[in-house]
Amino acid sequence: MVVVEIAILETRRKLLQDIRLWLDPARGKVNVVIAIEANPAGPIITIDKYEWDQANGQPTLSHVESR
């Protein structure tokens, strides 16, 4: 399952907490989280792809794109 998490006014820290919750294998079956951050103060949008790293027991960032 893939989840899209969108953050506009949310802090980066809160976004990463949400990503951890989605990807935690004990909580469900999410394999990938696409995180989209939009900066309301400027024309910057960041798209990150996170997957659960079994070896480290935490999400890992596998792709970043900013525009």
PDB file of N, CA and C in Angstrom:
ATOM      1  N   MET A   1       0.847  -1.168   0.000  1.00  0.00           N
ATOM      2  CA  MET A   1       0.000   0.000   0.000  1.00  0.00           C
ATOM      3  C   MET A   1       0.895   1.235   0.000  1.00  0.00           C
ATOM      4  N   VAL A   2       0.442   2.268  -0.702  1.00  0.00           N
ATOM      5  CA  VAL A   2       1.161   3.542  -0.782  1.00  0.00           C
ATOM      6  C   VAL A   2       0.302   4.621  -0.141  1.00  0.00           C
ATOM      7  N   VAL A   3       0.937   5.472   0.657  1.00  0.00           N
ATOM      8  CA  VAL A   3       0.253   6.594   1.310  1.00  0.00           C
ATOM      9  C   VAL A   3       0.886   7.889   0.824  1.00  0.00           C
ATOM     10  N   VAL A   4       0.063   8.898   0.587  1.00  0.00           N
ATOM     11  CA  VAL A   4       0.558  10.231   0.248  1.00  0.00           C
ATOM     12  C   VAL A   4       0.273  11.137   1.435  1.00  0.00           C
ATOM     13  N   GLU A   5       1.340  11.720   1.998  1.00  0.00           N
ATOM     14  CA  GLU A   5       1.232  12.635   3.140  1.00  0.00           C
ATOM     15  C   GLU A   5       1.584  14.024   2.632  1.00  0.00           C
ATOM     16  N   ILE A   6       0.684  14.981   2.817  1.00  0.00           N
ATOM     17  CA  ILE A   6       0.901  16.341   2.327  1.00  0.00           C
ATOM     18  C   ILE A   6       1.040  17.278   3.516  1.00  0.00           C
ATOM     19  N   ALA A   7       2.108  18.076   3.492  1.00  0.00           N
ATOM     20  CA  ALA A   7       2.366  19.018   4.585  1.00  0.00           C
ATOM     21  C   ALA A   7       2.491  20.424   4.010  1.00  0.00           C
ATOM     22  N   ILE A   8       1.661  21.316   4.520  1.00  0.00           N
ATOM     23  CA  ILE A   8       1.761  22.713   4.105  1.00  0.00           C
ATOM     24  C   ILE A   8       2.171  23.566   5.296  1.00  0.00           C
ATOM     25  N   LEU A   9       1.480  23.429   6.403  1.00  0.00           N
ATOM     26  CA  LEU A   9       1.806  24.196   7.604  1.00  0.00           C
ATOM     27  C   LEU A   9       2.459  23.336   8.673  1.00  0.00           C
ATOM     28  N   GLU A  10       2.624  22.060   8.405  1.00  0.00           N
ATOM     29  CA  GLU A  10       3.184  21.114   9.351  1.00  0.00           C
ATOM     30  C   GLU A  10       4.712  21.243   9.386  1.00  0.00           C
ATOM     31  N   THR A  11       5.295  21.064  10.558  1.00  0.00           N
ATOM     32  CA  THR A  11       6.760  21.106  10.651  1.00  0.00           C
ATOM     33  C   THR A  11       7.362  19.841  10.041  1.00  0.00           C
ATOM     34  N   ARG A  12       8.606  19.922   9.670  1.00  0.00           N
ATOM     35  CA  ARG A  12       9.317  18.763   9.112  1.00  0.00           C
ATOM     36  C   ARG A  12       9.346  17.626  10.137  1.00  0.00           C
ATOM     37  N   ARG A  13       9.554  17.992  11.396  1.00  0.00           N
ATOM     38  CA  ARG A  13       9.593  16.999  12.471  1.00  0.00           C
ATOM     39  C   ARG A  13       8.269  16.231  12.578  1.00  0.00           C
ATOM     40  N   LYS A  14       7.162  16.953  12.516  1.00  0.00           N
ATOM     41  CA  LYS A  14       5.831  16.322  12.578  1.00  0.00           C
ATOM     42  C   LYS A  14       5.610  15.444  11.353  1.00  0.00           C
ATOM     43  N   LEU A  15       6.035  15.908  10.200  1.00  0.00           N
ATOM     44  CA  LEU A  15       5.900  15.114   8.986  1.00  0.00           C
ATOM     45  C   LEU A  15       6.655  13.793   9.118  1.00  0.00           C
ATOM     46  N   LEU A  16       7.871  13.836   9.636  1.00  0.00           N
ATOM     47  CA  LEU A  16       8.656  12.613   9.812  1.00  0.00           C
ATOM     48  C   LEU A  16       8.031  11.681  10.845  1.00  0.00           C
ATOM     49  N   GLN A  17       7.407  12.227  11.880  1.00  0.00           N
ATOM     50  CA  GLN A  17       6.681  11.393  12.850  1.00  0.00           C
ATOM     51  C   GLN A  17       5.530  10.662  12.167  1.00  0.00           C
ATOM     52  N   ASP A  18       4.799  11.383  11.332  1.00  0.00           N
ATOM     53  CA  ASP A  18       3.684  10.771  10.605  1.00  0.00           C
ATOM     54  C   ASP A  18       4.177   9.665   9.671  1.00  0.00           C
ATOM     55  N   ILE A  19       5.293   9.907   9.011  1.00  0.00           N
ATOM     56  CA  ILE A  19       5.860   8.913   8.098  1.00  0.00           C
ATOM     57  C   ILE A  19       6.239   7.654   8.868  1.00  0.00           C
ATOM     58  N   ARG A  20       6.857   7.820  10.025  1.00  0.00           N
ATOM     59  CA  ARG A  20       7.217   6.662  10.848  1.00  0.00           C
ATOM     60  C   ARG A  20       5.983   5.860  11.243  1.00  0.00           C
ATOM     61  N   LEU A  21       4.920   6.554  11.612  1.00  0.00           N
ATOM     62  CA  LEU A  21       3.682   5.857  11.995  1.00  0.00           C
ATOM     63  C   LEU A  21       3.098   5.076  10.819  1.00  0.00           C
ATOM     64  N   TRP A  22       3.080   5.692   9.655  1.00  0.00           N
ATOM     65  CA  TRP A  22       2.530   5.003   8.485  1.00  0.00           C
ATOM     66  C   TRP A  22       3.339   3.757   8.135  1.00  0.00           C
ATOM     67  N   LEU A  23       4.676   3.868   8.196  1.00  0.00           N
ATOM     68  CA  LEU A  23       5.526   2.777   7.725  1.00  0.00           C
ATOM     69  C   LEU A  23       5.827   1.709   8.763  1.00  0.00           C
ATOM     70  N   ASP A  24       5.538   1.964  10.013  1.00  0.00           N
ATOM     71  CA  ASP A  24       5.833   0.996  11.068  1.00  0.00           C
ATOM     72  C   ASP A  24       5.130  -0.322  10.756  1.00  0.00           C
ATOM     73  N   PRO A  25       5.888  -1.417  10.544  1.00  0.00           N
ATOM     74  CA  PRO A  25       5.267  -2.686  10.173  1.00  0.00           C
ATOM     75  C   PRO A  25       4.320  -3.245  11.246  1.00  0.00           C
ATOM     76  N   ALA A  26       4.482  -2.836  12.489  1.00  0.00           N
ATOM     77  CA  ALA A  26       3.595  -3.292  13.555  1.00  0.00           C
ATOM     78  C   ALA A  26       2.215  -2.635  13.454  1.00  0.00           C
ATOM     79  N   ARG A  27       2.113  -1.512  12.739  1.00  0.00           N
ATOM     80  CA  ARG A  27       0.861  -0.773  12.650  1.00  0.00           C
ATOM     81  C   ARG A  27       0.034  -1.085  11.406  1.00  0.00           C
ATOM     82  N   GLY A  28       0.669  -1.610  10.376  1.00  0.00           N
ATOM     83  CA  GLY A  28      -0.112  -1.850   9.165  1.00  0.00           C
ATOM     84  C   GLY A  28       0.724  -2.358   8.018  1.00  0.00           C
ATOM     85  N   LYS A  29       0.193  -2.176   6.824  1.00  0.00           N
ATOM     86  CA  LYS A  29       0.795  -2.754   5.635  1.00  0.00           C
ATOM     87  C   LYS A  29       1.249  -1.719   4.625  1.00  0.00           C
ATOM     88  N   VAL A  30       1.589  -0.534   5.074  1.00  0.00           N
ATOM     89  CA  VAL A  30       2.065   0.508   4.165  1.00  0.00           C
ATOM     90  C   VAL A  30       3.507   0.195   3.793  1.00  0.00           C
ATOM     91  N   ASN A  31       3.799   0.185   2.494  1.00  0.00           N
ATOM     92  CA  ASN A  31       5.148  -0.088   2.005  1.00  0.00           C
ATOM     93  C   ASN A  31       5.910   1.171   1.632  1.00  0.00           C
ATOM     94  N   VAL A  32       5.177   2.178   1.165  1.00  0.00           N
ATOM     95  CA  VAL A  32       5.804   3.402   0.670  1.00  0.00           C
ATOM     96  C   VAL A  32       4.976   4.593   1.119  1.00  0.00           C
ATOM     97  N   VAL A  33       5.662   5.669   1.533  1.00  0.00           N
ATOM     98  CA  VAL A  33       5.005   6.946   1.806  1.00  0.00           C
ATOM     99  C   VAL A  33       5.613   7.979   0.873  1.00  0.00           C
ATOM    100  N   ILE A  34       4.756   8.660   0.135  1.00  0.00           N
ATOM    101  CA  ILE A  34       5.167   9.796  -0.676  1.00  0.00           C
ATOM    102  C   ILE A  34       4.825  11.031   0.146  1.00  0.00           C
ATOM    103  N   ALA A  35       5.854  11.798   0.498  1.00  0.00           N
ATOM    104  CA  ALA A  35       5.647  13.004   1.309  1.00  0.00           C
ATOM    105  C   ALA A  35       5.798  14.224   0.411  1.00  0.00           C
ATOM    106  N   ILE A  36       4.787  15.068   0.422  1.00  0.00           N
ATOM    107  CA  ILE A  36       4.808  16.291  -0.378  1.00  0.00           C
ATOM    108  C   ILE A  36       4.770  17.466   0.583  1.00  0.00           C
ATOM    109  N   GLU A  37       5.805  18.300   0.509  1.00  0.00           N
ATOM    110  CA  GLU A  37       5.867  19.503   1.338  1.00  0.00           C
ATOM    111  C   GLU A  37       5.736  20.725   0.445  1.00  0.00           C
ATOM    112  N   ALA A  38       4.818  21.600   0.787  1.00  0.00           N
ATOM    113  CA  ALA A  38       4.640  22.850   0.061  1.00  0.00           C
ATOM    114  C   ALA A  38       4.924  23.992   1.021  1.00  0.00           C
ATOM    115  N   ASN A  39       5.782  24.886   0.604  1.00  0.00           N
ATOM    116  CA  ASN A  39       6.137  26.039   1.429  1.00  0.00           C
ATOM    117  C   ASN A  39       5.184  27.180   1.090  1.00  0.00           C
ATOM    118  N   PRO A  40       4.307  27.575   2.027  1.00  0.00           N
ATOM    119  CA  PRO A  40       3.348  28.634   1.718  1.00  0.00           C
ATOM    120  C   PRO A  40       4.007  30.001   1.519  1.00  0.00           C
ATOM    121  N   ALA A  41       5.239  30.166   1.982  1.00  0.00           N
ATOM    122  CA  ALA A  41       5.928  31.451   1.840  1.00  0.00           C
ATOM    123  C   ALA A  41       6.653  31.579   0.502  1.00  0.00           C
ATOM    124  N   GLY A  42       6.758  30.496  -0.226  1.00  0.00           N
ATOM    125  CA  GLY A  42       7.487  30.564  -1.491  1.00  0.00           C
ATOM    126  C   GLY A  42       7.104  29.440  -2.417  1.00  0.00           C
ATOM    127  N   PRO A  43       7.566  29.519  -3.634  1.00  0.00           N
ATOM    128  CA  PRO A  43       7.178  28.519  -4.635  1.00  0.00           C
ATOM    129  C   PRO A  43       8.044  27.265  -4.597  1.00  0.00           C
ATOM    130  N   ILE A  44       8.182  26.656  -3.432  1.00  0.00           N
ATOM    131  CA  ILE A  44       9.006  25.456  -3.305  1.00  0.00           C
ATOM    132  C   ILE A  44       8.120  24.276  -2.911  1.00  0.00           C
ATOM    133  N   ILE A  45       8.212  23.220  -3.697  1.00  0.00           N
ATOM    134  CA  ILE A  45       7.516  21.969  -3.385  1.00  0.00           C
ATOM    135  C   ILE A  45       8.563  20.871  -3.372  1.00  0.00           C
ATOM    136  N   THR A  46       8.561  20.076  -2.306  1.00  0.00           N
ATOM    137  CA  THR A  46       9.502  18.965  -2.181  1.00  0.00           C
ATOM    138  C   THR A  46       8.715  17.666  -2.150  1.00  0.00           C
ATOM    139  N   ILE A  47       9.165  16.701  -2.935  1.00  0.00           N
ATOM    140  CA  ILE A  47       8.535  15.391  -2.979  1.00  0.00           C
ATOM    141  C   ILE A  47       9.572  14.358  -2.560  1.00  0.00           C
ATOM    142  N   ASP A  48       9.278  13.629  -1.494  1.00  0.00           N
ATOM    143  CA  ASP A  48      10.184  12.599  -0.972  1.00  0.00           C
ATOM    144  C   ASP A  48       9.475  11.252  -0.991  1.00  0.00           C
ATOM    145  N   LYS A  49      10.243  10.215  -1.201  1.00  0.00           N
ATOM    146  CA  LYS A  49       9.713   8.851  -1.142  1.00  0.00           C
ATOM    147  C   LYS A  49      10.418   8.123  -0.006  1.00  0.00           C
ATOM    148  N   TYR A  50       9.638   7.553   0.918  1.00  0.00           N
ATOM    149  CA  TYR A  50      10.176   6.831   2.072  1.00  0.00           C
ATOM    150  C   TYR A  50       9.729   5.380   2.033  1.00  0.00           C
ATOM    151  N   GLU A  51      10.641   4.499   2.426  1.00  0.00           N
ATOM    152  CA  GLU A  51      10.332   3.084   2.569  1.00  0.00           C
ATOM    153  C   GLU A  51      10.897   2.612   3.901  1.00  0.00           C
ATOM    154  N   TRP A  52      10.324   1.552   4.453  1.00  0.00           N
ATOM    155  CA  TRP A  52      10.778   1.031   5.737  1.00  0.00           C
ATOM    156  C   TRP A  52      12.052   0.223   5.549  1.00  0.00           C
ATOM    157  N   ASP A  53      13.067   0.538   6.334  1.00  0.00           N
ATOM    158  CA  ASP A  53      14.341  -0.192   6.301  1.00  0.00           C
ATOM    159  C   ASP A  53      14.330  -1.206   7.440  1.00  0.00           C
ATOM    160  N   GLN A  54      14.184  -2.473   7.101  1.00  0.00           N
ATOM    161  CA  GLN A  54      14.105  -3.539   8.117  1.00  0.00           C
ATOM    162  C   GLN A  54      15.373  -3.603   8.959  1.00  0.00           C
ATOM    163  N   ALA A  55      16.528  -3.401   8.349  1.00  0.00           N
ATOM    164  CA  ALA A  55      17.802  -3.518   9.071  1.00  0.00           C
ATOM    165  C   ALA A  55      17.940  -2.439  10.144  1.00  0.00           C
ATOM    166  N   ASN A  56      17.493  -1.229   9.837  1.00  0.00           N
ATOM    167  CA  ASN A  56      17.624  -0.111  10.785  1.00  0.00           C
ATOM    168  C   ASN A  56      16.369   0.117  11.618  1.00  0.00           C
ATOM    169  N   GLY A  57      15.262  -0.481  11.214  1.00  0.00           N
ATOM    170  CA  GLY A  57      14.014  -0.293  11.948  1.00  0.00           C
ATOM    171  C   GLY A  57      13.474   1.118  11.877  1.00  0.00           C
ATOM    172  N   GLN A  58      13.670   1.754  10.721  1.00  0.00           N
ATOM    173  CA  GLN A  58      13.181   3.122  10.547  1.00  0.00           C
ATOM    174  C   GLN A  58      12.987   3.428   9.065  1.00  0.00           C
ATOM    175  N   PRO A  59      12.266   4.504   8.757  1.00  0.00           N
ATOM    176  CA  PRO A  59      12.076   4.869   7.360  1.00  0.00           C
ATOM    177  C   PRO A  59      13.385   5.355   6.737  1.00  0.00           C
ATOM    178  N   THR A  60      13.536   5.076   5.460  1.00  0.00           N
ATOM    179  CA  THR A  60      14.684   5.609   4.731  1.00  0.00           C
ATOM    180  C   THR A  60      14.185   6.397   3.534  1.00  0.00           C
ATOM    181  N   LEU A  61      14.874   7.468   3.274  1.00  0.00           N
ATOM    182  CA  LEU A  61      14.566   8.330   2.148  1.00  0.00           C
ATOM    183  C   LEU A  61      15.230   7.744   0.913  1.00  0.00           C
ATOM    184  N   SER A  62      14.457   7.499  -0.130  1.00  0.00           N
ATOM    185  CA  SER A  62      15.042   6.907  -1.321  1.00  0.00           C
ATOM    186  C   SER A  62      14.947   7.801  -2.550  1.00  0.00           C
ATOM    187  N   HIS A  63      14.276   8.952  -2.441  1.00  0.00           N
ATOM    188  CA  HIS A  63      14.180   9.848  -3.588  1.00  0.00           C
ATOM    189  C   HIS A  63      13.774  11.235  -3.115  1.00  0.00           C
ATOM    190  N   VAL A  64      14.375  12.256  -3.694  1.00  0.00           N
ATOM    191  CA  VAL A  64      14.007  13.631  -3.360  1.00  0.00           C
ATOM    192  C   VAL A  64      13.892  14.428  -4.638  1.00  0.00           C
ATOM    193  N   GLU A  65      12.845  15.269  -4.709  1.00  0.00           N
ATOM    194  CA  GLU A  65      12.715  16.184  -5.825  1.00  0.00           C
ATOM    195  C   GLU A  65      12.156  17.494  -5.277  1.00  0.00           C
ATOM    196  N   SER A  66      12.796  18.596  -5.641  1.00  0.00           N
ATOM    197  CA  SER A  66      12.327  19.929  -5.228  1.00  0.00           C
ATOM    198  C   SER A  66      12.134  20.798  -6.445  1.00  0.00           C
ATOM    199  N   ARG A  67      11.094  21.606  -6.378  1.00  0.00           N
ATOM    200  CA  ARG A  67      10.822  22.554  -7.469  1.00  0.00           C
ATOM    201  C   ARG A  67      10.345  23.855  -6.896  1.00  0.00           C
TER     202      ARG A  67
END
